[in-house]
Amino acid sequence: MSRISIAFFGAAVVYALGGMVLGMYMGGSGDHSMAPVHAHINLLGWASLALMGAFYGLAADKAPAKLAWTNFGLSNVGNLMSLPMVAMIQSGKPPIVPLLVGGEVLIVAGMLTFGLSLIVVARAAPAAAATASGIKKAA
């Protein structure tokens, strides 16, 4: 498995554990006011990053390394900026708007980078499949 795939899965596990601990706290205390934060941690952290890690694991060398690491950085920095701001909103405190908006923009940029990686891999896939099967592309 590639280093980038392991990095995505490692980060996803950290977010999953954070979401689980928050869920346990909410269940134990009976205070579910942080449910949107719990959902964001699990979806943007655990689910999204694990799916990206799986994609990069399957794509292997077909995925451009620079795009993959950029995707990793944008997604994680965006999460680390915006998730605490969502918690502040849920607790009734005003968020630090530049952090909230900046984090959201980085998360979207991370997803766009992931989409670009998908396109690059998809474009390389037909040629690789044809070469592996011995079929040559008509010029």
C-alpha atoms as a PDB file:
ATOM      1  CA  MET A   1       0.000   0.000   0.000  1.00  0.00           C
ATOM      2  CA  SER A   2       1.278   3.478  -0.854  1.00  0.00           C
ATOM      3  CA  ARG A   3       2.431   6.034   1.709  1.00  0.00           C
ATOM      4  CA  ILE A   4      -0.329   8.431   0.668  1.00  0.00           C
ATOM      5  CA  SER A   5      -2.991   5.786   1.158  1.00  0.00           C
ATOM      6  CA  ILE A   6      -1.621   4.982   4.614  1.00  0.00           C
ATOM      7  CA  ALA A   7      -1.545   8.708   5.461  1.00  0.00           C
ATOM      8  CA  PHE A   8      -5.218   9.102   4.483  1.00  0.00           C
ATOM      9  CA  PHE A   9      -6.236   6.013   6.468  1.00  0.00           C
ATOM     10  CA  GLY A  10      -4.183   7.133   9.473  1.00  0.00           C
ATOM     11  CA  ALA A  11      -5.819  10.545   9.519  1.00  0.00           C
ATOM     12  CA  ALA A  12      -9.237   8.938   9.037  1.00  0.00           C
ATOM     13  CA  VAL A  13      -8.682   6.757  12.107  1.00  0.00           C
ATOM     14  CA  VAL A  14      -7.802   9.823  14.206  1.00  0.00           C
ATOM     15  CA  TYR A  15     -11.014  11.560  13.098  1.00  0.00           C
ATOM     16  CA  ALA A  16     -13.054   8.388  13.691  1.00  0.00           C
ATOM     17  CA  LEU A  17     -11.711   8.098  17.229  1.00  0.00           C
ATOM     18  CA  GLY A  18     -12.491  11.775  17.843  1.00  0.00           C
ATOM     19  CA  GLY A  19     -16.026  11.301  16.541  1.00  0.00           C
ATOM     20  CA  MET A  20     -16.480   8.195  18.689  1.00  0.00           C
ATOM     21  CA  VAL A  21     -15.257   9.916  21.845  1.00  0.00           C
ATOM     22  CA  LEU A  22     -17.551  12.869  21.177  1.00  0.00           C
ATOM     23  CA  GLY A  23     -20.443  10.455  20.571  1.00  0.00           C
ATOM     24  CA  MET A  24     -19.713   8.637  23.831  1.00  0.00           C
ATOM     25  CA  TYR A  25     -19.624  11.944  25.688  1.00  0.00           C
ATOM     26  CA  MET A  26     -22.936  13.034  24.194  1.00  0.00           C
ATOM     27  CA  GLY A  27     -24.549   9.694  25.018  1.00  0.00           C
ATOM     28  CA  GLY A  28     -23.238   9.675  28.570  1.00  0.00           C
ATOM     29  CA  SER A  29     -24.118  13.267  29.344  1.00  0.00           C
ATOM     30  CA  GLY A  30     -27.432  13.325  27.512  1.00  0.00           C
ATOM     31  CA  ASP A  31     -26.309  16.581  25.871  1.00  0.00           C
ATOM     32  CA  HIS A  32     -26.552  16.111  22.114  1.00  0.00           C
ATOM     33  CA  SER A  33     -25.976  19.748  21.187  1.00  0.00           C
ATOM     34  CA  MET A  34     -22.719  18.808  19.435  1.00  0.00           C
ATOM     35  CA  ALA A  35     -24.421  16.301  17.110  1.00  0.00           C
ATOM     36  CA  PRO A  36     -23.624  18.437  14.012  1.00  0.00           C
ATOM     37  CA  VAL A  37     -19.947  18.525  15.048  1.00  0.00           C
ATOM     38  CA  HIS A  38     -20.025  14.747  15.552  1.00  0.00           C
ATOM     39  CA  ALA A  39     -21.528  14.334  12.065  1.00  0.00           C
ATOM     40  CA  HIS A  40     -18.966  16.651  10.457  1.00  0.00           C
ATOM     41  CA  ILE A  41     -16.042  14.871  12.120  1.00  0.00           C
ATOM     42  CA  ASN A  42     -17.333  11.494  10.960  1.00  0.00           C
ATOM     43  CA  LEU A  43     -18.206  12.541   7.416  1.00  0.00           C
ATOM     44  CA  LEU A  44     -15.415  14.985   6.566  1.00  0.00           C
ATOM     45  CA  GLY A  45     -12.776  13.235   8.633  1.00  0.00           C
ATOM     46  CA  TRP A  46     -13.449   9.514   8.815  1.00  0.00           C
ATOM     47  CA  ALA A  47     -15.615   8.754   5.765  1.00  0.00           C
ATOM     48  CA  SER A  48     -14.202  11.176   3.200  1.00  0.00           C
ATOM     49  CA  LEU A  49     -10.555  10.599   4.058  1.00  0.00           C
ATOM     50  CA  ALA A  50     -10.966   6.812   4.244  1.00  0.00           C
ATOM     51  CA  LEU A  51     -12.624   6.782   0.812  1.00  0.00           C
ATOM     52  CA  MET A  52      -9.852   8.947  -0.600  1.00  0.00           C
ATOM     53  CA  GLY A  53      -7.265   6.636   0.942  1.00  0.00           C
ATOM     54  CA  ALA A  54      -8.962   3.638  -0.655  1.00  0.00           C
ATOM     55  CA  PHE A  55      -8.978   5.375  -4.033  1.00  0.00           C
ATOM     56  CA  TYR A  56      -5.273   6.237  -3.830  1.00  0.00           C
ATOM     57  CA  GLY A  57      -4.530   2.687  -2.702  1.00  0.00           C
ATOM     58  CA  LEU A  58      -6.352   1.267  -5.721  1.00  0.00           C
ATOM     59  CA  ALA A  59      -4.950   3.835  -8.149  1.00  0.00           C
ATOM     60  CA  ALA A  60      -1.383   3.207  -6.931  1.00  0.00           C
ATOM     61  CA  ASP A  61       1.178   4.748  -9.311  1.00  0.00           C
ATOM     62  CA  LYS A  62      -1.501   6.019 -11.705  1.00  0.00           C
ATOM     63  CA  ALA A  63      -2.421   8.802  -9.264  1.00  0.00           C
ATOM     64  CA  PRO A  64      -0.100  11.817  -9.424  1.00  0.00           C
ATOM     65  CA  ALA A  65       1.741  11.976  -6.080  1.00  0.00           C
ATOM     66  CA  LYS A  66       1.768  15.783  -5.921  1.00  0.00           C
ATOM     67  CA  LEU A  67      -2.003  15.965  -6.396  1.00  0.00           C
ATOM     68  CA  ALA A  68      -2.557  13.230  -3.816  1.00  0.00           C
ATOM     69  CA  TRP A  69      -0.430  14.932  -1.160  1.00  0.00           C
ATOM     70  CA  THR A  70      -2.025  18.301  -1.975  1.00  0.00           C
ATOM     71  CA  ASN A  71      -5.436  16.654  -1.527  1.00  0.00           C
ATOM     72  CA  PHE A  72      -4.287  15.258   1.833  1.00  0.00           C
ATOM     73  CA  GLY A  73      -3.000  18.625   3.059  1.00  0.00           C
ATOM     74  CA  LEU A  74      -5.968  20.695   1.912  1.00  0.00           C
ATOM     75  CA  SER A  75      -8.507  18.268   3.361  1.00  0.00           C
ATOM     76  CA  ASN A  76      -6.822  17.961   6.749  1.00  0.00           C
ATOM     77  CA  VAL A  77      -5.939  21.613   7.244  1.00  0.00           C
ATOM     78  CA  GLY A  78      -9.478  22.550   6.184  1.00  0.00           C
ATOM     79  CA  ASN A  79     -10.953  20.110   8.710  1.00  0.00           C
ATOM     80  CA  LEU A  80      -8.676  21.313  11.499  1.00  0.00           C
ATOM     81  CA  MET A  81      -9.657  24.914  10.803  1.00  0.00           C
ATOM     82  CA  SER A  82     -13.405  24.498  10.361  1.00  0.00           C
ATOM     83  CA  LEU A  83     -14.420  21.719  12.774  1.00  0.00           C
ATOM     84  CA  PRO A  84     -13.575  23.717  15.931  1.00  0.00           C
ATOM     85  CA  MET A  85     -15.529  26.641  14.460  1.00  0.00           C
ATOM     86  CA  VAL A  86     -18.591  24.404  13.995  1.00  0.00           C
ATOM     87  CA  ALA A  87     -18.198  23.437  17.666  1.00  0.00           C
ATOM     88  CA  MET A  88     -18.083  27.116  18.636  1.00  0.00           C
ATOM     89  CA  ILE A  89     -21.285  27.789  16.676  1.00  0.00           C
ATOM     90  CA  GLN A  90     -23.014  24.835  18.351  1.00  0.00           C
ATOM     91  CA  SER A  91     -21.950  26.059  21.798  1.00  0.00           C
ATOM     92  CA  GLY A  92     -23.433  29.496  21.105  1.00  0.00           C
ATOM     93  CA  LYS A  93     -20.115  31.292  20.672  1.00  0.00           C
ATOM     94  CA  PRO A  94     -19.354  33.328  17.580  1.00  0.00           C
ATOM     95  CA  PRO A  95     -16.880  31.538  15.317  1.00  0.00           C
ATOM     96  CA  ILE A  96     -13.691  33.099  14.075  1.00  0.00           C
ATOM     97  CA  VAL A  97     -15.104  33.758  10.631  1.00  0.00           C
ATOM     98  CA  PRO A  98     -11.811  33.758   8.680  1.00  0.00           C
ATOM     99  CA  LEU A  99     -10.982  30.320  10.126  1.00  0.00           C
ATOM    100  CA  LEU A 100     -14.446  28.972   9.390  1.00  0.00           C
ATOM    101  CA  VAL A 101     -14.595  30.283   5.826  1.00  0.00           C
ATOM    102  CA  GLY A 102     -10.942  29.500   5.132  1.00  0.00           C
ATOM    103  CA  GLY A 103     -11.410  25.954   6.386  1.00  0.00           C
ATOM    104  CA  GLU A 104     -14.510  25.463   4.276  1.00  0.00           C
ATOM    105  CA  VAL A 105     -12.704  26.755   1.192  1.00  0.00           C
ATOM    106  CA  LEU A 106      -9.796  24.379   1.843  1.00  0.00           C
ATOM    107  CA  ILE A 107     -12.163  21.417   2.261  1.00  0.00           C
ATOM    108  CA  VAL A 108     -13.815  22.232  -1.071  1.00  0.00           C
ATOM    109  CA  ALA A 109     -10.392  22.719  -2.676  1.00  0.00           C
ATOM    110  CA  GLY A 110      -9.380  19.319  -1.301  1.00  0.00           C
ATOM    111  CA  MET A 111     -12.426  17.695  -2.877  1.00  0.00           C
ATOM    112  CA  LEU A 112     -11.752  19.454  -6.185  1.00  0.00           C
ATOM    113  CA  THR A 113      -8.160  18.186  -6.042  1.00  0.00           C
ATOM    114  CA  PHE A 114      -9.478  14.685  -5.366  1.00  0.00           C
ATOM    115  CA  GLY A 115     -11.791  15.040  -8.385  1.00  0.00           C
ATOM    116  CA  LEU A 116      -8.844  16.108 -10.525  1.00  0.00           C
ATOM    117  CA  SER A 117      -6.893  13.064  -9.330  1.00  0.00           C
ATOM    118  CA  LEU A 118      -9.847  10.884 -10.288  1.00  0.00           C
ATOM    119  CA  ILE A 119      -9.902  12.393 -13.787  1.00  0.00           C
ATOM    120  CA  VAL A 120      -6.147  11.859 -14.228  1.00  0.00           C
ATOM    121  CA  VAL A 121      -6.439   8.217 -13.149  1.00  0.00           C
ATOM    122  CA  ALA A 122      -9.523   7.632 -15.303  1.00  0.00           C
ATOM    123  CA  ARG A 123      -7.765   9.014 -18.376  1.00  0.00           C
ATOM    124  CA  ALA A 124      -4.763   6.765 -17.738  1.00  0.00           C
ATOM    125  CA  ALA A 125      -6.876   3.677 -17.056  1.00  0.00           C
ATOM    126  CA  PRO A 126      -8.072   2.864 -20.610  1.00  0.00           C
ATOM    127  CA  ALA A 127      -4.551   3.057 -22.010  1.00  0.00           C
ATOM    128  CA  ALA A 128      -3.173   0.916 -19.194  1.00  0.00           C
ATOM    129  CA  ALA A 129      -5.950  -1.655 -19.593  1.00  0.00           C
ATOM    130  CA  ALA A 130      -5.432  -1.848 -23.356  1.00  0.00           C
ATOM    131  CA  THR A 131      -1.676  -2.270 -22.963  1.00  0.00           C
ATOM    132  CA  ALA A 132      -2.131  -4.992 -20.356  1.00  0.00           C
ATOM    133  CA  SER A 133      -4.523  -6.914 -22.593  1.00  0.00           C
ATOM    134  CA  GLY A 134      -2.325  -6.534 -25.691  1.00  0.00           C
ATOM    135  CA  ILE A 135      -4.806  -4.285 -27.510  1.00  0.00           C
ATOM    136  CA  LYS A 136      -3.199  -1.346 -29.230  1.00  0.00           C
ATOM    137  CA  LYS A 137      -4.993   1.941 -29.579  1.00  0.00           C
ATOM    138  CA  ALA A 138      -5.739   2.950 -33.189  1.00  0.00           C
ATOM    139  CA  ALA A 139      -3.864   6.083 -34.198  1.00  0.00           C
END
